Every structure is written in structure tokens, then in C-alpha cells.
Amino acid sequence: MAKLLIGIILIAVIIAGVIIFFPKKGGYDAQRPQNDSAFNDTSEEPPFRLKGVGLDLNDIDFSVVIDHKIPFEGYGTWVEVPGEKPYRNPQPTFVVPKGTKVRALIDGFVIDVPKLYSGDYSVRVAASMDSRWSAETEHVDNPIVKPGDFVKAGQVVAEASTAKTGNNSPWAWFEIGIGKGTQNLDERPDHVCTFKYLDDSIKAETYKKLKSIMAAWEEYKKDPNVYDENATPTPGCLTEVEIDG
């Protein structure tokens, strides 16, 4: 009986060791930083300005998105899903070459790296742990940061997602956004016009490049109506109204 008991204990120790040294792939076990004061933040404007848009806009290559409808979709683009009510996308979308590195939008703390319904990830960064606002790079693969990390704007945090495209496609995609809500990830944040909150150091050049990308794609597709560049005063935003969820 003693030998049997010792054997059971040894097996339990071995199993525990396997669980510790070989955790479930693709997940983060680190506990999310929590600060209840985030729920008391009622500010109506983000406390930061974006110092980047997640990539070098020169990385957009029309030749790899030829089988996709568009290389860039602005904030508030109408999305139509069969059988569902059309809705506005609250997060601008970029289609880029597979393997494109995705970069942090602001200096701040990673508050979460959740796995999404699509099998890829989101990286959410807040300027401080008591803010209701976050800068999002969503639908990304291979995240290399975890909750609690401090990142600098422009720092690589992941790669563009292949969730929609598959490994054999030359293109990938990701979204960016500014979320307003709480750091409780059970609640979907609302979103504001992303490109309205660019840092002065990148604003003029980013607007210039976005306009150039939209004009060049319309010329490439020989369709002057792909984009509505005059929808709002802010390039890249089809509306400046806050979008739910």
C-alpha cells in the first residue's frame, strides 16, 4: 500500500510539472493589471494623441491586395453582412503584406492581450492604469507583449493577422482604434474618430499619406468613387460621431 501511495504521488508530481512547463499554447496566464479608479474616469476625450498608426504607411503594397476589395478602410466604413443590419466599423482597417509588423500607437501600459473570436489577438494599451481610454491594435498574430508591459509608440507588438486570409495568401490585415469605456474587458468600449487624435508630430504627414493612398487606389481600380474623401474634415474618418461597441 505504501509503494502504491508513493507511486501515485510521483505521477501527480510529474503531471504538475508538465502543466507548469508546457502551458496552453497561445494564451497569456499573467493577471490583468486592475485599478478600480478606471471605472470613475468620466473624461470625454482621450488623454493621449496617437504617435503612430500601427505601421509605416509605405508598407501598403497594392500588388498583394489585388484579390481584396480595398487596402484601407476608414473609421465609420459601412459593413454589410448577409442577414444582418449594416453597421459602421469603429476601427480603421489596413491590408498589408503578410508578415508586416504591427506597432504600438502610444506610449503606455499593455492592459490586455485577449484572444478574439477569429483566433487572432488584440493588443490594448492605456496611457495610465486609471484611464478609461485605450489605443487598440486589433486582429494581430504572434503578439510579443503581455499585460503589464510598458511599450513605446512605434515598438513592435505583433504581426498583421492572417485569420481571414490563410497562410497561402500574400496579404494580411489588422485594425486600429481608440476605445472609450473601462478596463473591464467584459464591456465592449465605444470608439471615437481615430485620425482626429493624431499627435502633431505625425498629423500632417499621416493625412497626406492617407489621401495619397486613397487617390492612388481609386486610380489603380479606375473607380473615382471607392472613397468619400470629403465625408468629414478628418482624412480617414467617414464620420466623426462616436460609434458604439
Protein backbone atom coordinates (compact mmCIF):
# COMPACT_ATOMS: atom_id res chain seq x y z
CA MET A 1 0.00 0.00 0.00
CA ALA A 2 2.86 2.40 0.86
CA LYS A 3 4.52 1.71 -2.51
CA LEU A 4 1.21 2.34 -4.31
CA LEU A 5 0.75 5.64 -2.47
CA ILE A 6 4.30 6.73 -3.30
CA GLY A 7 3.69 5.85 -6.95
CA ILE A 8 0.50 7.91 -7.09
CA ILE A 9 2.32 10.90 -5.55
CA LEU A 10 5.16 10.62 -8.10
CA ILE A 11 2.69 10.52 -11.01
CA ALA A 12 0.89 13.60 -9.65
CA VAL A 13 4.20 15.48 -9.36
CA ILE A 14 5.15 14.59 -12.95
CA ILE A 15 1.75 15.73 -14.29
CA ALA A 16 2.00 19.02 -12.37
CA GLY A 17 5.46 19.59 -13.81
CA VAL A 18 4.20 19.06 -17.37
CA ILE A 19 1.40 21.57 -16.82
CA ILE A 20 3.82 24.16 -15.43
CA PHE A 21 6.48 23.81 -18.09
CA PHE A 22 4.14 23.31 -21.06
CA PRO A 23 1.24 25.77 -20.66
CA LYS A 24 -1.56 26.02 -23.18
CA LYS A 25 -0.21 27.48 -26.42
CA GLY A 26 -1.38 30.93 -27.47
CA GLY A 27 -2.64 32.12 -24.10
CA TYR A 28 -1.38 34.57 -21.53
CA ASP A 29 -1.57 33.49 -17.90
CA ALA A 30 -0.46 36.84 -16.49
CA GLN A 31 -3.15 38.52 -14.39
CA ARG A 32 -4.54 41.74 -15.86
CA PRO A 33 -3.49 44.90 -14.06
CA GLN A 34 -6.55 46.20 -12.25
CA ASN A 35 -7.40 49.63 -10.93
CA ASP A 36 -10.93 50.36 -9.78
CA SER A 37 -10.47 54.10 -10.34
CA ALA A 38 -10.72 53.39 -14.08
CA PHE A 39 -14.43 52.96 -13.52
CA ASN A 40 -14.61 56.50 -12.13
CA ASP A 41 -12.94 58.15 -15.14
CA THR A 42 -15.61 60.14 -16.97
CA SER A 43 -13.35 62.07 -19.38
CA GLU A 44 -14.85 62.56 -22.84
CA GLU A 45 -11.57 62.89 -24.76
CA PRO A 46 -8.58 60.55 -24.81
CA PRO A 47 -5.67 61.71 -22.61
CA PHE A 48 -3.22 60.86 -25.39
CA ARG A 49 -2.59 61.55 -29.06
CA LEU A 50 -1.53 58.77 -31.39
CA LYS A 51 2.16 58.86 -32.24
CA GLY A 52 1.73 56.20 -34.91
CA VAL A 53 -0.96 54.34 -36.85
CA GLY A 54 0.37 50.83 -36.32
CA LEU A 55 2.58 50.64 -39.39
CA ASP A 56 4.65 52.60 -41.86
CA LEU A 57 2.04 53.58 -44.44
CA ASN A 58 4.63 52.89 -47.12
CA ASP A 59 4.20 49.18 -46.25
CA ILE A 60 0.85 49.15 -48.07
CA ASP A 61 1.50 47.36 -51.37
CA PHE A 62 -1.31 47.29 -53.91
CA SER A 63 0.18 44.27 -55.69
CA VAL A 64 -0.54 41.97 -52.73
CA VAL A 65 -4.12 43.14 -52.16
CA ILE A 66 -5.30 42.73 -55.73
CA ASP A 67 -7.64 39.92 -54.60
CA HIS A 68 -9.01 42.09 -51.79
CA LYS A 69 -11.54 44.85 -52.28
CA ILE A 70 -9.56 47.67 -50.67
CA PRO A 71 -6.18 48.27 -48.94
CA PHE A 72 -7.53 50.73 -46.34
CA GLU A 73 -10.93 51.20 -44.75
CA GLY A 74 -11.53 54.32 -42.69
CA TYR A 75 -13.26 54.86 -39.37
CA GLY A 76 -17.02 54.55 -39.86
CA THR A 77 -16.92 52.48 -43.05
CA TRP A 78 -20.26 50.75 -43.58
CA VAL A 79 -20.06 46.97 -43.22
CA GLU A 80 -22.72 44.74 -44.73
CA VAL A 81 -23.12 41.16 -43.54
CA PRO A 82 -25.78 38.95 -45.17
CA GLY A 83 -28.78 38.60 -42.87
CA GLU A 84 -27.61 41.34 -40.51
CA LYS A 85 -28.22 45.06 -40.19
CA PRO A 86 -25.39 47.16 -41.74
CA TYR A 87 -23.12 48.78 -39.19
CA ARG A 88 -20.21 51.22 -39.12
CA ASN A 89 -16.77 49.76 -38.44
CA PRO A 90 -15.32 51.66 -35.45
CA GLN A 91 -11.76 50.61 -36.26
CA PRO A 92 -9.85 51.63 -39.41
CA THR A 93 -8.51 48.57 -41.26
CA PHE A 94 -5.23 48.12 -43.11
CA VAL A 95 -4.47 45.35 -45.63
CA VAL A 96 -0.72 44.75 -45.85
CA PRO A 97 1.83 42.17 -46.97
CA LYS A 98 1.90 39.03 -44.87
CA GLY A 99 4.44 39.31 -42.05
CA THR A 100 4.05 43.07 -41.65
CA LYS A 101 4.97 44.12 -38.12
CA VAL A 102 2.29 45.94 -36.13
CA ARG A 103 3.46 48.70 -33.81
CA ALA A 104 2.15 50.37 -30.66
CA LEU A 105 0.16 53.58 -31.22
CA ILE A 106 1.09 55.32 -27.96
CA ASP A 107 3.45 55.14 -25.00
CA GLY A 108 1.72 53.23 -22.23
CA PHE A 109 0.91 50.03 -20.40
CA VAL A 110 -0.44 46.89 -22.05
CA ILE A 111 -3.73 46.28 -20.24
CA ASP A 112 -4.70 43.12 -22.09
CA VAL A 113 -3.89 40.80 -24.99
CA PRO A 114 -7.15 38.90 -25.43
CA LYS A 115 -7.65 36.14 -27.95
CA LEU A 116 -10.52 37.08 -30.26
CA TYR A 117 -13.40 35.13 -31.78
CA SER A 118 -11.42 34.98 -35.05
CA GLY A 119 -8.50 33.15 -33.46
CA ASP A 120 -6.14 36.12 -33.54
CA TYR A 121 -5.44 38.76 -30.87
CA SER A 122 -5.91 42.36 -29.79
CA VAL A 123 -3.26 44.44 -28.01
CA ARG A 124 -4.76 47.18 -25.84
CA VAL A 125 -2.53 49.93 -24.42
CA ALA A 126 -3.53 52.64 -21.92
CA ALA A 127 -1.54 55.75 -21.03
CA SER A 128 -2.15 55.01 -17.35
CA MET A 129 -3.84 52.31 -15.35
CA ASP A 130 -6.59 54.66 -14.12
CA SER A 131 -7.80 55.73 -17.58
CA ARG A 132 -10.99 54.66 -19.34
CA TRP A 133 -9.25 55.16 -22.71
CA SER A 134 -7.11 52.67 -24.66
CA ALA A 135 -5.34 52.52 -28.01
CA GLU A 136 -6.01 49.25 -29.81
CA THR A 137 -4.20 47.23 -32.42
CA GLU A 138 -6.71 44.50 -33.16
CA HIS A 139 -6.68 41.32 -35.24
CA VAL A 140 -2.98 40.61 -34.93
CA ASP A 141 -0.91 37.41 -34.85
CA ASN A 142 2.08 36.42 -32.74
CA PRO A 143 1.86 39.10 -30.03
CA ILE A 144 5.18 39.59 -28.25
CA VAL A 145 3.93 41.70 -25.32
CA LYS A 146 1.87 40.75 -22.29
CA PRO A 147 -0.35 42.56 -19.78
CA GLY A 148 1.66 44.85 -17.53
CA ASP A 149 4.41 45.56 -20.08
CA PHE A 150 5.28 49.19 -20.79
CA VAL A 151 5.62 49.94 -24.51
CA LYS A 152 6.71 52.94 -26.55
CA ALA A 153 4.89 54.21 -29.61
CA GLY A 154 6.38 52.56 -32.67
CA GLN A 155 7.51 49.48 -30.76
CA VAL A 156 6.66 46.19 -32.49
CA VAL A 157 3.92 44.35 -30.57
CA ALA A 158 2.71 41.73 -33.08
CA GLU A 159 2.22 40.88 -36.76
CA ALA A 160 -0.73 41.55 -39.05
CA SER A 161 -3.36 38.80 -38.90
CA THR A 162 -3.89 36.01 -41.41
CA ALA A 163 -7.19 34.99 -39.80
CA LYS A 164 -9.19 35.98 -42.88
CA THR A 165 -6.59 35.19 -45.48
CA GLY A 166 -4.89 31.90 -44.63
CA ASN A 167 -1.20 31.10 -44.71
CA ASN A 168 -1.05 30.81 -48.51
CA SER A 169 -2.24 34.37 -49.18
CA PRO A 170 0.33 37.16 -49.68
CA TRP A 171 -1.71 39.62 -47.62
CA ALA A 172 -2.73 40.09 -44.01
CA TRP A 173 -4.72 42.70 -42.12
CA PHE A 174 -5.23 44.49 -38.82
CA GLU A 175 -7.31 47.25 -37.27
CA ILE A 176 -6.53 50.21 -35.04
CA GLY A 177 -8.84 52.11 -32.74
CA ILE A 178 -9.32 54.38 -29.76
CA GLY A 179 -11.62 52.78 -27.22
CA LYS A 180 -13.62 54.62 -24.57
CA GLY A 181 -15.02 52.59 -21.74
CA THR A 182 -13.40 50.80 -18.84
CA GLN A 183 -10.60 48.33 -18.46
CA ASN A 184 -13.21 45.67 -17.78
CA LEU A 185 -12.91 43.58 -20.93
CA ASP A 186 -16.36 42.13 -20.39
CA GLU A 187 -17.65 45.50 -21.59
CA ARG A 188 -17.17 46.50 -25.22
CA PRO A 189 -15.69 50.01 -25.44
CA ASP A 190 -17.19 52.71 -27.62
CA HIS A 191 -14.89 54.27 -30.22
CA VAL A 192 -14.05 57.75 -31.48
CA CYS A 193 -12.75 59.04 -34.81
CA THR A 194 -9.24 57.56 -34.75
CA PHE A 195 -7.44 60.01 -37.01
CA LYS A 196 -8.85 63.04 -35.21
CA TYR A 197 -6.47 62.33 -32.33
CA LEU A 198 -3.08 62.22 -34.03
CA ASP A 199 -0.07 63.78 -32.38
CA ASP A 200 1.08 66.98 -34.07
CA SER A 201 4.40 65.31 -34.88
CA ILE A 202 2.71 62.92 -37.36
CA LYS A 203 -0.59 64.58 -38.20
CA ALA A 204 0.26 66.45 -41.40
CA GLU A 205 2.32 63.64 -42.92
CA THR A 206 -0.24 60.96 -42.00
CA TYR A 207 -3.10 62.93 -43.54
CA LYS A 208 -1.03 63.46 -46.68
CA LYS A 209 -0.23 59.74 -46.98
CA LEU A 210 -3.81 58.63 -46.33
CA LYS A 211 -5.09 60.94 -49.04
CA SER A 212 -2.38 59.67 -51.39
CA ILE A 213 -3.26 56.01 -50.69
CA MET A 214 -6.97 56.60 -51.32
CA ALA A 215 -6.36 58.55 -54.53
CA ALA A 216 -3.83 56.02 -55.81
CA TRP A 217 -6.16 53.09 -55.15
CA GLU A 218 -9.02 54.79 -57.00
CA GLU A 219 -6.69 55.33 -59.93
CA TYR A 220 -5.44 51.74 -59.70
CA LYS A 221 -9.02 50.41 -59.74
CA LYS A 222 -10.15 53.05 -62.27
CA ASP A 223 -13.01 53.95 -59.95
CA PRO A 224 -13.16 57.51 -58.54
CA ASN A 225 -15.92 56.58 -56.09
CA VAL A 226 -14.18 53.98 -53.93
CA TYR A 227 -13.61 56.52 -51.16
CA ASP A 228 -15.59 59.52 -49.98
CA GLU A 229 -12.66 61.77 -49.13
CA ASN A 230 -14.94 64.69 -48.31
CA ALA A 231 -17.20 62.94 -45.79
CA THR A 232 -15.57 64.78 -42.87
CA PRO A 233 -12.75 67.30 -42.41
CA THR A 234 -10.61 64.45 -40.99
CA PRO A 235 -8.93 62.22 -43.60
CA GLY A 236 -9.60 58.56 -42.88
CA CYS A 237 -12.86 59.18 -40.99
CA LEU A 238 -16.22 58.76 -42.73
CA THR A 239 -17.90 60.13 -39.62
CA GLU A 240 -16.71 61.96 -36.53
CA VAL A 241 -19.58 60.60 -34.44
CA GLU A 242 -18.77 58.20 -31.63
CA ILE A 243 -19.56 54.58 -32.57
CA ASP A 244 -20.94 52.10 -30.06
CA GLY A 245 -19.01 48.90 -29.44
